[in-house]
C-alpha atoms as a PDB file:
ATOM      1  CA  MET A   1     196.134 120.173 118.876  1.00  0.00           C
ATOM      2  CA  THR A   2     198.622 120.584 116.336  1.00  0.00           C
ATOM      3  CA  THR A   3     202.384 119.574 116.634  1.00  0.00           C
ATOM      4  CA  TYR A   4     205.095 121.181 114.352  1.00  0.00           C
ATOM      5  CA  THR A   5     209.226 120.160 114.400  1.00  0.00           C
ATOM      6  CA  ILE A   6     211.575 123.519 113.797  1.00  0.00           C
ATOM      7  CA  PRO A   7     214.181 123.067 111.330  1.00  0.00           C
ATOM      8  CA  LYS A   8     217.265 123.545 112.492  1.00  0.00           C
ATOM      9  CA  LYS A   9     217.937 126.332 110.299  1.00  0.00           C
ATOM     10  CA  ASP A  10     215.038 127.700 111.950  1.00  0.00           C
ATOM     11  CA  TYR A  11     215.812 127.935 115.238  1.00  0.00           C
ATOM     12  CA  GLN A  12     217.336 131.423 115.750  1.00  0.00           C
ATOM     13  CA  PHE A  13     213.562 132.642 114.480  1.00  0.00           C
ATOM     14  CA  LEU A  14     211.858 131.362 117.821  1.00  0.00           C
ATOM     15  CA  TYR A  15     212.161 134.405 120.301  1.00  0.00           C
ATOM     16  CA  ILE A  16     210.753 133.823 123.819  1.00  0.00           C
ATOM     17  CA  TYR A  17     212.247 137.306 124.773  1.00  0.00           C
ATOM     18  CA  GLU A  18     208.953 138.501 126.511  1.00  0.00           C
ATOM     19  CA  GLY A  19     207.618 134.958 127.121  1.00  0.00           C
ATOM     20  CA  THR A  20     204.947 134.072 130.223  1.00  0.00           C
ATOM     21  CA  LEU A  21     206.142 130.759 131.314  1.00  0.00           C
ATOM     22  CA  LEU A  22     202.954 128.215 132.833  1.00  0.00           C
ATOM     23  CA  ASN A  23     205.045 125.019 133.891  1.00  0.00           C
ATOM     24  CA  TYR A  24     207.818 123.922 133.232  1.00  0.00           C
ATOM     25  CA  THR A  25     208.672 120.020 132.931  1.00  0.00           C
ATOM     26  CA  LEU A  26     212.579 117.696 132.695  1.00  0.00           C
ATOM     27  CA  LYS A  27     212.463 114.570 132.078  1.00  0.00           C
ATOM     28  CA  ASN A  28     215.391 112.339 131.141  1.00  0.00           C
ATOM     29  CA  ASP A  29     217.281 114.865 127.990  1.00  0.00           C
ATOM     30  CA  GLU A  30     213.871 116.566 127.242  1.00  0.00           C
ATOM     31  CA  PHE A  31     213.068 120.047 128.953  1.00  0.00           C
ATOM     32  CA  HIS A  32     209.348 121.402 128.128  1.00  0.00           C
ATOM     33  CA  ILE A  33     207.533 124.589 128.622  1.00  0.00           C
ATOM     34  CA  ILE A  34     204.658 126.012 128.574  1.00  0.00           C
ATOM     35  CA  VAL A  35     204.650 129.527 127.514  1.00  0.00           C
ATOM     36  CA  LYS A  36     203.323 132.536 125.523  1.00  0.00           C
ATOM     37  CA  ASN A  37     204.208 135.521 124.147  1.00  0.00           C
ATOM     38  CA  VAL A  38     206.487 133.930 121.257  1.00  0.00           C
ATOM     39  CA  ASP A  39     207.259 135.109 118.372  1.00  0.00           C
ATOM     40  CA  TYR A  40     207.876 132.036 115.761  1.00  0.00           C
ATOM     41  CA  PRO A  41     209.605 131.311 112.440  1.00  0.00           C
ATOM     42  CA  ASP A  42     207.891 131.160 109.053  1.00  0.00           C
ATOM     43  CA  PHE A  43     205.608 127.924 109.535  1.00  0.00           C
ATOM     44  CA  PRO A  44     204.621 125.661 106.166  1.00  0.00           C
ATOM     45  CA  GLN A  45     201.099 126.942 104.825  1.00  0.00           C
ATOM     46  CA  GLU A  46     199.568 123.624 106.432  1.00  0.00           C
ATOM     47  CA  ILE A  47     200.758 124.622 109.743  1.00  0.00           C
ATOM     48  CA  PRO A  48     198.556 127.540 110.958  1.00  0.00           C
ATOM     49  CA  THR A  49     200.843 130.184 112.900  1.00  0.00           C
ATOM     50  CA  PRO A  50     199.272 130.728 116.736  1.00  0.00           C
ATOM     51  CA  ASN A  51     199.154 134.314 117.821  1.00  0.00           C
ATOM     52  CA  TYR A  52     201.514 135.722 119.558  1.00  0.00           C
ATOM     53  CA  THR A  53     199.444 135.693 122.921  1.00  0.00           C
ATOM     54  CA  ASP A  54     198.463 131.723 122.511  1.00  0.00           C
ATOM     55  CA  TRP A  55     200.008 129.365 125.156  1.00  0.00           C
ATOM     56  CA  VAL A  56     202.138 126.871 123.328  1.00  0.00           C
ATOM     57  CA  LYS A  57     204.120 123.626 124.479  1.00  0.00           C
ATOM     58  CA  ILE A  58     207.810 123.818 123.415  1.00  0.00           C
ATOM     59  CA  LYS A  59     209.713 120.208 123.964  1.00  0.00           C
ATOM     60  CA  PHE A  60     213.353 120.818 123.708  1.00  0.00           C
ATOM     61  CA  LYS A  61     214.893 117.513 122.644  1.00  0.00           C
ATOM     62  CA  GLN A  62     217.770 115.214 123.400  1.00  0.00           C
ATOM     63  CA  PHE A  63     219.584 118.455 124.849  1.00  0.00           C
ATOM     64  CA  SER A  64     223.104 118.277 125.904  1.00  0.00           C
ATOM     65  CA  TYR A  65     223.607 120.936 128.183  1.00  0.00           C
ATOM     66  CA  LEU A  66     220.606 123.309 130.433  1.00  0.00           C
ATOM     67  CA  LYS A  67     220.642 126.315 132.276  1.00  0.00           C
ATOM     68  CA  PHE A  68     217.391 127.146 133.835  1.00  0.00           C
ATOM     69  CA  ILE A  69     217.298 130.150 136.128  1.00  0.00           C
ATOM     70  CA  TYR A  70     213.868 131.445 137.626  1.00  0.00           C
ATOM     71  CA  GLY A  71     213.037 133.962 140.253  1.00  0.00           C
ATOM     72  CA  TYR A  72     211.112 136.424 141.966  1.00  0.00           C
ATOM     73  CA  ALA A  73     211.472 138.803 144.592  1.00  0.00           C
ATOM     74  CA  THR A  74     210.357 138.797 147.576  1.00  0.00           C
ATOM     75  CA  GLU A  75     206.655 140.117 148.863  1.00  0.00           C
ATOM     76  CA  ASN A  76     208.591 143.782 150.055  1.00  0.00           C
ATOM     77  CA  GLN A  77     210.761 143.562 146.806  1.00  0.00           C
ATOM     78  CA  ASP A  78     214.029 143.908 148.946  1.00  0.00           C
ATOM     79  CA  LYS A  79     215.492 140.620 147.832  1.00  0.00           C
ATOM     80  CA  ASP A  80     215.674 138.637 145.083  1.00  0.00           C
ATOM     81  CA  ILE A  81     215.832 134.458 144.970  1.00  0.00           C
ATOM     82  CA  ASP A  82     216.793 133.106 141.985  1.00  0.00           C
ATOM     83  CA  ASN A  83     217.035 129.652 141.780  1.00  0.00           C
ATOM     84  CA  THR A  84     219.379 127.388 139.283  1.00  0.00           C
ATOM     85  CA  LEU A  85     219.215 124.250 137.467  1.00  0.00           C
ATOM     86  CA  GLU A  86     222.310 123.689 135.186  1.00  0.00           C
ATOM     87  CA  LEU A  87     222.656 120.425 133.512  1.00  0.00           C
ATOM     88  CA  GLY A  88     225.355 118.657 131.262  1.00  0.00           C
ATOM     89  CA  GLU A  89     228.427 120.083 129.685  1.00  0.00           C
ATOM     90  CA  LEU A  90     229.029 123.113 127.001  1.00  0.00           C
ATOM     91  CA  LYS A  91     231.341 122.064 123.959  1.00  0.00           C
ATOM     92  CA  GLN A  92     233.448 124.438 121.725  1.00  0.00           C
ATOM     93  CA  ASP A  93     231.306 124.243 118.892  1.00  0.00           C
ATOM     94  CA  ASP A  94     228.436 124.471 120.907  1.00  0.00           C
ATOM     95  CA  GLU A  95     225.394 126.856 119.726  1.00  0.00           C
ATOM     96  CA  ILE A  96     223.556 127.921 122.844  1.00  0.00           C
ATOM     97  CA  LEU A  97     220.204 129.205 121.791  1.00  0.00           C
ATOM     98  CA  ASP A  98     218.525 131.608 125.157  1.00  0.00           C
ATOM     99  CA  TYR A  99     214.888 132.442 125.736  1.00  0.00           C
ATOM    100  CA  GLY A 100     213.459 134.479 129.031  1.00  0.00           C
ATOM    101  CA  GLY A 101     210.535 136.270 129.957  1.00  0.00           C
ATOM    102  CA  ALA A 102     208.321 136.014 133.226  1.00  0.00           C
ATOM    103  CA  LEU A 103     206.649 133.281 135.384  1.00  0.00           C
ATOM    104  CA  ALA A 104     202.757 133.866 135.223  1.00  0.00           C
ATOM    105  CA  LEU A 105     201.637 131.846 138.127  1.00  0.00           C
ATOM    106  CA  ILE A 106     204.151 133.415 140.816  1.00  0.00           C
ATOM    107  CA  GLY A 107     203.792 137.163 139.205  1.00  0.00           C
ATOM    108  CA  ARG A 108     199.760 136.624 138.569  1.00  0.00           C
ATOM    109  CA  ARG A 109     199.250 134.766 141.917  1.00  0.00           C
ATOM    110  CA  TYR A 110     201.342 136.962 144.350  1.00  0.00           C
ATOM    111  CA  ASN A 111     201.763 139.936 142.002  1.00  0.00           C
ATOM    112  CA  LEU A 112     205.805 140.266 142.424  1.00  0.00           C
ATOM    113  CA  PRO A 113     208.155 140.780 139.930  1.00  0.00           C
ATOM    114  CA  THR A 114     209.468 137.325 138.396  1.00  0.00           C
ATOM    115  CA  SER A 115     211.746 136.470 135.313  1.00  0.00           C
ATOM    116  CA  PHE A 116     213.371 132.972 134.126  1.00  0.00           C
ATOM    117  CA  SER A 117     215.794 132.716 131.457  1.00  0.00           C
ATOM    118  CA  ILE A 118     216.552 129.614 129.372  1.00  0.00           C
ATOM    119  CA  ASP A 119     220.161 128.729 127.984  1.00  0.00           C
ATOM    120  CA  ILE A 120     219.927 125.395 125.901  1.00  0.00           C
ATOM    121  CA  VAL A 121     221.814 122.983 123.452  1.00  0.00           C
ATOM    122  CA  CYS A 122     219.261 120.423 121.948  1.00  0.00           C
ATOM    123  CA  ARG A 123     218.820 118.788 118.431  1.00  0.00           C
ATOM    124  CA  GLU A 124     215.154 119.538 118.346  1.00  0.00           C
ATOM    125  CA  ILE A 125     212.841 121.272 119.043  1.00  0.00           C
ATOM    126  CA  GLU A 126     208.882 120.630 118.524  1.00  0.00           C
ATOM    127  CA  LEU A 127     206.092 122.814 119.236  1.00  0.00           C
ATOM    128  CA  GLU A 128     202.863 121.763 120.492  1.00  0.00           C
ATOM    129  CA  PHE A 129     199.983 124.169 119.773  1.00  0.00           C
ATOM    130  CA  LEU A 130     197.213 124.252 122.697  1.00  0.00           C
ATOM    131  CA  ASP A 131     193.829 124.512 121.676  1.00  0.00           C
ATOM    132  CA  GLN A 132     191.529 125.825 124.215  1.00  0.00           C
ATOM    133  CA  GLU A 133     190.352 122.559 125.567  1.00  0.00           C
ATOM    134  CA  SER A 134     194.068 121.633 126.220  1.00  0.00           C
ATOM    135  CA  PHE A 135     195.331 124.455 127.922  1.00  0.00           C
ATOM    136  CA  ARG A 136     192.103 124.344 130.082  1.00  0.00           C
ATOM    137  CA  THR A 137     192.986 120.949 131.039  1.00  0.00           C
ATOM    138  CA  VAL A 138     196.692 121.990 132.140  1.00  0.00           C
ATOM    139  CA  ALA A 139     195.689 125.111 133.840  1.00  0.00           C
ATOM    140  CA  PHE A 140     193.139 123.216 135.369  1.00  0.00           C
ATOM    141  CA  ILE A 141     195.580 120.707 137.386  1.00  0.00           C
ATOM    142  CA  LEU A 142     198.550 123.610 137.475  1.00  0.00           C
ATOM    143  CA  ARG A 143     195.730 125.843 139.477  1.00  0.00           C
ATOM    144  CA  LYS A 144     195.433 122.484 142.079  1.00  0.00           C
ATOM    145  CA  GLN A 145     199.101 121.910 142.257  1.00  0.00           C
ATOM    146  CA  PRO A 146     200.359 123.804 146.033  1.00  0.00           C
ATOM    147  CA  PHE A 147     202.679 126.023 145.499  1.00  0.00           C
ATOM    148  CA  GLU A 148     206.138 125.012 146.646  1.00  0.00           C
ATOM    149  CA  GLY A 149     208.021 127.967 147.045  1.00  0.00           C
ATOM    150  CA  LYS A 150     208.181 130.291 150.077  1.00  0.00           C
ATOM    151  CA  ILE A 151     206.669 133.901 149.361  1.00  0.00           C
ATOM    152  CA  ILE A 152     208.783 135.820 152.566  1.00  0.00           C
END
């Protein structure tokens, strides 16, 4: 498993516009997501660039502001359900990074339209490239967890 800390000057070259979110965790001032369909900034030669469709864990470290919205439509798609988590405060000089995409588990399992968006201000972004074995372990654990939401 390879990890790489993105230099601050390259934050704007990390694109998760069409990303597929598999999982997220929040602990103290760190927000982690496991996502694929990511465009990466240029890496040093010694760091192998993953494919667009490879799963990666992105660790947003020491965030001072986070707004995370994830949502899905009901089974008959007559109602949208959005869940919002907002932590911290924006300051006038903050540079907000924004990302978004679809939710992998709900969208695949229930064939529903889904989305997520992240607005975040953080001091560090670390990428952890998941090899096949690491990804299989994560996916296996997630499959064993029951879906906590409610499909109406």
